[in-house]
C-alpha cells in the first residue's frame, strides 16, 4: 500500500530525513522514523510497567526449583 503525504511540511521533513539517513525512499525514511518513535515511546513507560511485564514473562516460565544451589552452579561454571 503506497504512502501518500498530503502535507507539504511533512513531505519536506520526509525528504530531509531520507537524505540524512540515506534511506532508499521517503517511505523507508518514514518507516525508520516511526520505528524509532515507537521504541522511544516504549522506553518512556514507567519502570513499574516494564517490571510488571518482566515479572509476567518470568512467571510464564514456571516455578523456580527450590533445591537449586546458585553458589554450587556458579562454582561449577567458574570451575572453582
N, C-alpha and C. Protein backbone atom coordinates (compact mmCIF):
# COMPACT_ATOMS: atom_id res chain seq x y z
N UNK A 1 0.84 -1.16 0.00
CA UNK A 1 0.00 0.00 0.00
C UNK A 1 0.90 1.24 0.00
N UNK A 2 0.69 2.15 -0.92
CA UNK A 2 1.52 3.34 -1.00
C UNK A 2 1.24 4.31 0.15
N UNK A 3 2.24 5.09 0.45
CA UNK A 3 2.12 6.11 1.48
C UNK A 3 1.95 7.45 0.78
N UNK A 4 0.85 8.13 1.07
CA UNK A 4 0.59 9.43 0.48
C UNK A 4 0.76 10.50 1.54
N UNK A 5 1.64 11.46 1.27
CA UNK A 5 1.85 12.58 2.18
C UNK A 5 1.25 13.80 1.52
N UNK A 6 0.20 14.33 2.12
CA UNK A 6 -0.51 15.45 1.53
C UNK A 6 -0.06 16.79 2.09
N UNK A 7 0.66 16.76 3.19
CA UNK A 7 1.12 17.99 3.84
C UNK A 7 2.52 18.32 3.33
N UNK A 8 2.69 19.53 2.79
CA UNK A 8 3.97 19.93 2.21
C UNK A 8 5.10 19.93 3.24
N UNK A 9 4.81 20.36 4.46
CA UNK A 9 5.84 20.39 5.51
C UNK A 9 6.28 18.98 5.88
N UNK A 10 5.32 18.07 6.00
CA UNK A 10 5.64 16.67 6.32
C UNK A 10 6.43 16.05 5.17
N UNK A 11 6.06 16.36 3.95
CA UNK A 11 6.78 15.86 2.78
C UNK A 11 8.22 16.36 2.79
N UNK A 12 8.42 17.63 3.13
CA UNK A 12 9.77 18.19 3.19
C UNK A 12 10.58 17.53 4.30
N UNK A 13 9.95 17.26 5.45
CA UNK A 13 10.64 16.58 6.54
C UNK A 13 11.03 15.16 6.14
N UNK A 14 10.13 14.48 5.45
CA UNK A 14 10.42 13.11 4.99
C UNK A 14 11.58 13.11 4.00
N UNK A 15 11.60 14.08 3.12
CA UNK A 15 12.69 14.19 2.15
C UNK A 15 14.01 14.48 2.86
N UNK A 16 13.98 15.38 3.82
CA UNK A 16 15.19 15.71 4.59
C UNK A 16 15.69 14.49 5.35
N UNK A 17 14.78 13.75 5.98
CA UNK A 17 15.16 12.55 6.71
C UNK A 17 15.73 11.50 5.76
N UNK A 18 15.13 11.38 4.59
CA UNK A 18 15.62 10.42 3.60
C UNK A 18 17.07 10.74 3.23
N UNK A 19 17.36 12.02 3.01
CA UNK A 19 18.73 12.41 2.66
C UNK A 19 19.69 12.15 3.82
N UNK A 20 19.28 12.52 5.04
CA UNK A 20 20.17 12.40 6.19
C UNK A 20 20.43 10.95 6.61
N UNK A 21 19.48 10.07 6.34
CA UNK A 21 19.64 8.67 6.73
C UNK A 21 20.05 7.79 5.54
N UNK A 22 20.16 8.39 4.38
CA UNK A 22 20.47 7.64 3.15
C UNK A 22 19.46 6.53 2.89
N UNK A 23 18.22 6.77 3.27
CA UNK A 23 17.15 5.80 3.02
C UNK A 23 16.89 5.74 1.51
N UNK A 24 16.55 4.57 1.00
CA UNK A 24 16.32 4.45 -0.44
C UNK A 24 15.04 5.15 -0.92
N UNK A 25 14.12 5.44 0.01
CA UNK A 25 12.88 6.11 -0.37
C UNK A 25 12.33 6.90 0.82
N UNK A 26 11.40 7.80 0.53
CA UNK A 26 10.76 8.53 1.63
C UNK A 26 9.96 7.57 2.50
N UNK A 27 9.36 6.58 1.88
CA UNK A 27 8.59 5.59 2.64
C UNK A 27 9.48 4.89 3.65
N UNK A 28 10.68 4.51 3.23
CA UNK A 28 11.62 3.84 4.13
C UNK A 28 12.06 4.80 5.23
N UNK A 29 12.28 6.05 4.90
CA UNK A 29 12.66 7.04 5.91
C UNK A 29 11.54 7.20 6.95
N UNK A 30 10.31 7.24 6.49
CA UNK A 30 9.17 7.36 7.41
C UNK A 30 9.05 6.09 8.26
N UNK A 31 9.28 4.92 7.67
CA UNK A 31 9.23 3.67 8.42
C UNK A 31 10.26 3.68 9.54
N UNK A 32 11.48 4.08 9.22
CA UNK A 32 12.55 4.15 10.22
C UNK A 32 12.17 5.12 11.33
N UNK A 33 11.67 6.28 10.94
CA UNK A 33 11.28 7.29 11.93
C UNK A 33 10.17 6.78 12.84
N UNK A 34 9.21 6.09 12.27
CA UNK A 34 8.10 5.55 13.07
C UNK A 34 8.59 4.47 14.03
N UNK A 35 9.48 3.60 13.56
CA UNK A 35 10.04 2.57 14.44
C UNK A 35 10.81 3.19 15.59
N UNK A 36 11.60 4.22 15.30
CA UNK A 36 12.36 4.90 16.35
C UNK A 36 11.42 5.57 17.36
N UNK A 37 10.37 6.17 16.85
CA UNK A 37 9.42 6.84 17.75
C UNK A 37 8.69 5.83 18.62
N UNK A 38 8.33 4.68 18.06
CA UNK A 38 7.69 3.64 18.86
C UNK A 38 8.63 3.14 19.95
N UNK A 39 9.88 2.95 19.61
CA UNK A 39 10.87 2.50 20.60
C UNK A 39 11.06 3.55 21.69
N UNK A 40 11.12 4.80 21.30
CA UNK A 40 11.26 5.90 22.27
C UNK A 40 10.05 5.96 23.20
N UNK A 41 8.89 5.74 22.63
CA UNK A 41 7.66 5.74 23.43
C UNK A 41 7.63 4.57 24.41
N UNK A 42 8.09 3.40 23.97
CA UNK A 42 8.14 2.24 24.87
C UNK A 42 9.11 2.49 26.02
N UNK A 43 10.20 3.17 25.75
CA UNK A 43 11.21 3.44 26.78
C UNK A 43 10.69 4.42 27.82
N UNK A 44 9.67 5.19 27.49
CA UNK A 44 9.12 6.16 28.44
C UNK A 44 8.16 5.53 29.43
N UNK A 45 7.80 4.28 29.21
CA UNK A 45 6.89 3.63 30.15
C UNK A 45 7.53 3.63 31.53
N UNK A 46 6.73 3.82 32.55
CA UNK A 46 7.30 3.84 33.90
C UNK A 46 7.91 2.49 34.25
N UNK A 47 8.95 2.50 35.08
CA UNK A 47 9.62 1.24 35.45
C UNK A 47 8.64 0.20 36.00
N UNK A 48 7.63 0.65 36.72
CA UNK A 48 6.65 -0.29 37.27
C UNK A 48 6.00 -1.12 36.18
N UNK A 49 5.66 -0.48 35.06
CA UNK A 49 5.04 -1.21 33.95
C UNK A 49 6.00 -2.17 33.29
N UNK A 50 7.25 -1.74 33.11
CA UNK A 50 8.25 -2.62 32.50
C UNK A 50 8.57 -3.80 33.41
N UNK A 51 8.63 -3.54 34.72
CA UNK A 51 8.90 -4.60 35.68
C UNK A 51 7.76 -5.61 35.70
N UNK A 52 6.52 -5.10 35.65
CA UNK A 52 5.35 -5.99 35.64
C UNK A 52 5.40 -6.92 34.43
N UNK A 53 5.80 -6.39 33.29
CA UNK A 53 5.90 -7.22 32.08
C UNK A 53 6.97 -8.30 32.27
N UNK A 54 8.12 -7.92 32.81
CA UNK A 54 9.18 -8.90 33.05
C UNK A 54 8.76 -9.95 34.06
N UNK A 55 8.03 -9.54 35.09
CA UNK A 55 7.55 -10.50 36.09
C UNK A 55 6.56 -11.48 35.46
N UNK A 56 5.71 -10.99 34.59
CA UNK A 56 4.76 -11.87 33.91
C UNK A 56 5.48 -12.87 33.02
N UNK A 57 6.52 -12.40 32.31
CA UNK A 57 7.29 -13.30 31.46
C UNK A 57 8.03 -14.34 32.31
N UNK A 58 8.53 -13.93 33.44
CA UNK A 58 9.22 -14.84 34.34
C UNK A 58 8.25 -15.88 34.90
N UNK A 59 7.07 -15.45 35.28
CA UNK A 59 6.06 -16.36 35.81
C UNK A 59 5.64 -17.38 34.76
N UNK A 60 5.62 -16.95 33.50
CA UNK A 60 5.23 -17.86 32.41
C UNK A 60 6.25 -18.98 32.22
N UNK A 61 7.48 -18.78 32.68
CA UNK A 61 8.50 -19.83 32.57
C UNK A 61 8.24 -20.98 33.52
N UNK A 62 7.45 -20.75 34.55
CA UNK A 62 7.13 -21.80 35.51
C UNK A 62 7.80 -21.53 36.85
N UNK A 63 7.48 -22.35 37.83
CA UNK A 63 8.03 -22.14 39.17
C UNK A 63 9.53 -22.42 39.19
N UNK A 64 10.21 -21.74 40.12
CA UNK A 64 11.65 -21.97 40.26
C UNK A 64 11.88 -23.23 41.09
N UNK A 65 13.05 -23.80 40.94
CA UNK A 65 13.41 -25.02 41.66
C UNK A 65 13.91 -24.65 43.05
N UNK A 66 13.20 -25.01 44.11
CA UNK A 66 13.62 -24.64 45.47
C UNK A 66 14.91 -25.33 45.89
N UNK A 67 15.31 -26.39 45.19
CA UNK A 67 16.53 -27.12 45.54
C UNK A 67 17.75 -26.64 44.75
N UNK A 68 17.56 -25.62 43.91
CA UNK A 68 18.66 -25.13 43.09
C UNK A 68 19.66 -24.37 43.96
N UNK A 69 20.94 -24.74 43.84
CA UNK A 69 22.00 -24.11 44.63
C UNK A 69 22.81 -23.19 43.70
N UNK A 70 22.53 -21.89 43.78
CA UNK A 70 23.18 -20.93 42.89
C UNK A 70 24.69 -20.91 43.11
N UNK A 71 25.14 -21.01 44.37
CA UNK A 71 26.59 -20.99 44.64
C UNK A 71 27.29 -22.17 43.98
N UNK A 72 26.72 -23.37 44.13
CA UNK A 72 27.32 -24.55 43.50
C UNK A 72 27.33 -24.40 41.98
N UNK A 73 26.26 -23.86 41.43
CA UNK A 73 26.18 -23.64 39.99
C UNK A 73 27.27 -22.67 39.53
N UNK A 74 27.42 -21.54 40.24
CA UNK A 74 28.43 -20.56 39.86
C UNK A 74 29.83 -21.13 40.02
N UNK A 75 30.06 -21.88 41.10
CA UNK A 75 31.36 -22.50 41.31
C UNK A 75 31.69 -23.45 40.15
N UNK A 76 30.68 -24.21 39.74
CA UNK A 76 30.90 -25.15 38.63
C UNK A 76 31.19 -24.38 37.33
N UNK A 77 30.48 -23.30 37.12
CA UNK A 77 30.68 -22.51 35.91
C UNK A 77 32.08 -21.89 35.88
N UNK A 78 32.58 -21.49 37.04
CA UNK A 78 33.90 -20.89 37.14
C UNK A 78 34.98 -21.92 37.45
N UNK A 79 34.58 -23.16 37.54
CA UNK A 79 35.49 -24.28 37.80
C UNK A 79 36.28 -24.08 39.08
N UNK A 80 35.60 -23.62 40.12
CA UNK A 80 36.24 -23.47 41.44
C UNK A 80 35.98 -24.67 42.31
